[in-house]
Amino acid sequence: MSKQIFGAQMSLRCCGTTVPERMAGPCWQLFVAMSGLVSEWPTFTWPTSTEVPTLDQRRNALAYLGFVLDEGAAWEWEECTGPDYHPHPVRALLLGSVKVRPLENGAA
């Protein structure tokens, strides 16, 4: 039996977000990249804050979305620059990624 492995990514949304709900300011957002429309990917958004979510908060968010870290997986971090089209100066962004798999029976 093959097990499905997906990539989860987490980033600080500098200008807030509108999905799944409107946020007024910067907030961390986690999503699991899957096949299909991006708008249908499992997504979790923390309340407005620039504080990086803890390992436990990330684990709980993944479980809420129906996923768990793959065996031996660890968060990897990358620094990149934001897109030029934002209404503020380009700045460095932190992007976290990790391999995840669906929870057994889809339950936490």
Protein backbone atom coordinates (compact mmCIF):
# COMPACT_ATOMS: atom_id res chain seq x y z
CA MET A 1 0.00 0.00 0.00
CA SER A 2 1.45 3.37 -0.99
CA LYS A 3 1.14 6.26 1.39
CA GLN A 4 0.36 9.74 0.14
CA ILE A 5 2.89 12.42 0.97
CA PHE A 6 2.11 16.12 0.52
CA GLY A 7 4.00 19.33 1.08
CA ALA A 8 2.80 21.77 3.70
CA GLN A 9 3.98 25.36 3.59
CA MET A 10 3.70 28.16 6.09
CA SER A 11 4.40 31.85 5.59
CA LEU A 12 3.73 35.22 7.15
CA ARG A 13 1.13 37.01 5.07
CA CYS A 14 2.44 40.57 5.36
CA CYS A 15 -0.72 42.29 4.13
CA GLY A 16 -3.22 40.00 5.79
CA THR A 17 -5.36 37.53 3.91
CA THR A 18 -8.90 37.06 2.68
CA VAL A 19 -9.03 33.25 2.83
CA PRO A 20 -10.54 31.57 4.77
CA GLU A 21 -11.54 34.89 6.38
CA ARG A 22 -10.41 38.52 6.10
CA MET A 23 -7.50 39.45 8.36
CA ALA A 24 -6.63 43.11 8.88
CA GLY A 25 -2.88 42.72 9.30
CA PRO A 26 0.04 40.34 9.13
CA CYS A 27 -0.75 36.73 9.99
CA TRP A 28 0.80 33.30 9.57
CA GLN A 29 -0.93 30.95 7.16
CA LEU A 30 -0.38 27.21 6.63
CA PHE A 31 -1.61 25.26 3.63
CA VAL A 32 -1.20 21.75 2.24
CA ALA A 33 -0.44 21.70 -1.48
CA MET A 34 -2.55 19.11 -3.28
CA SER A 35 -3.89 18.46 -6.74
CA GLY A 36 -6.90 20.53 -7.74
CA LEU A 37 -7.66 24.19 -7.35
CA VAL A 38 -5.49 26.23 -4.98
CA SER A 39 -8.68 27.71 -3.52
CA GLU A 40 -9.63 24.19 -2.35
CA TRP A 41 -6.34 23.36 -0.60
CA PRO A 42 -6.62 22.77 3.17
CA THR A 43 -5.65 26.09 4.80
CA PHE A 44 -5.24 27.28 8.39
CA THR A 45 -4.75 30.94 9.36
CA TRP A 46 -3.60 32.07 12.79
CA PRO A 47 -4.94 35.33 14.26
CA THR A 48 -3.16 38.53 13.28
CA SER A 49 0.40 38.37 14.66
CA THR A 50 3.99 38.30 13.44
CA GLU A 51 5.01 35.70 16.08
CA VAL A 52 6.06 32.43 14.43
CA PRO A 53 3.65 29.66 15.51
CA THR A 54 5.28 27.12 17.84
CA LEU A 55 5.87 23.50 16.88
CA ASP A 56 2.83 22.48 18.93
CA GLN A 57 0.66 25.14 17.25
CA ARG A 58 1.81 23.92 13.82
CA ARG A 59 1.18 20.27 14.76
CA ASN A 60 -2.32 21.17 16.02
CA ALA A 61 -3.10 23.16 12.86
CA LEU A 62 -2.01 20.24 10.67
CA ALA A 63 -4.16 17.83 12.71
CA TYR A 64 -7.12 20.22 12.36
CA LEU A 65 -6.59 20.02 8.57
CA GLY A 66 -6.35 16.19 8.75
CA PHE A 67 -2.58 15.80 8.40
CA VAL A 68 0.46 14.82 10.43
CA LEU A 69 4.20 15.22 9.80
CA ASP A 70 5.63 12.39 7.75
CA GLU A 71 8.01 10.06 9.60
CA GLY A 72 11.36 11.78 10.16
CA ALA A 73 10.15 15.03 8.58
CA ALA A 74 11.39 18.32 9.98
CA TRP A 75 10.46 21.89 9.15
CA GLU A 76 12.81 23.54 6.66
CA TRP A 77 13.03 27.33 6.43
CA GLU A 78 13.89 29.51 3.46
CA GLU A 79 14.27 33.25 3.19
CA CYS A 80 13.03 34.88 0.00
CA THR A 81 11.86 38.29 -1.17
CA GLY A 82 8.27 39.32 -1.53
CA PRO A 83 6.65 40.12 -4.85
CA ASP A 84 7.19 43.53 -6.43
CA TYR A 85 3.48 44.27 -6.74
CA HIS A 86 2.88 44.84 -2.99
CA PRO A 87 2.15 48.43 -1.98
CA HIS A 88 5.15 48.50 0.38
CA PRO A 89 8.90 48.10 -0.22
CA VAL A 90 10.15 44.60 -1.09
CA ARG A 91 11.20 42.78 2.06
CA ALA A 92 12.58 39.41 3.12
CA LEU A 93 10.00 36.70 3.76
CA LEU A 94 10.33 33.50 5.75
CA LEU A 95 8.80 30.36 4.24
CA GLY A 96 8.55 27.09 6.17
CA SER A 97 7.90 23.74 4.52
CA VAL A 98 7.54 20.14 5.65
CA LYS A 99 6.37 16.79 4.26
CA VAL A 100 3.02 15.63 5.65
CA ARG A 101 0.69 12.68 5.25
CA PRO A 102 -3.04 12.27 5.91
CA LEU A 103 -4.03 11.22 9.42
CA GLU A 104 -5.20 7.63 9.75
CA ASN A 105 -8.96 7.60 9.09
CA GLY A 106 -8.75 11.39 8.69
CA ALA A 107 -9.11 11.94 12.45
CA ALA A 108 -6.90 13.81 14.86
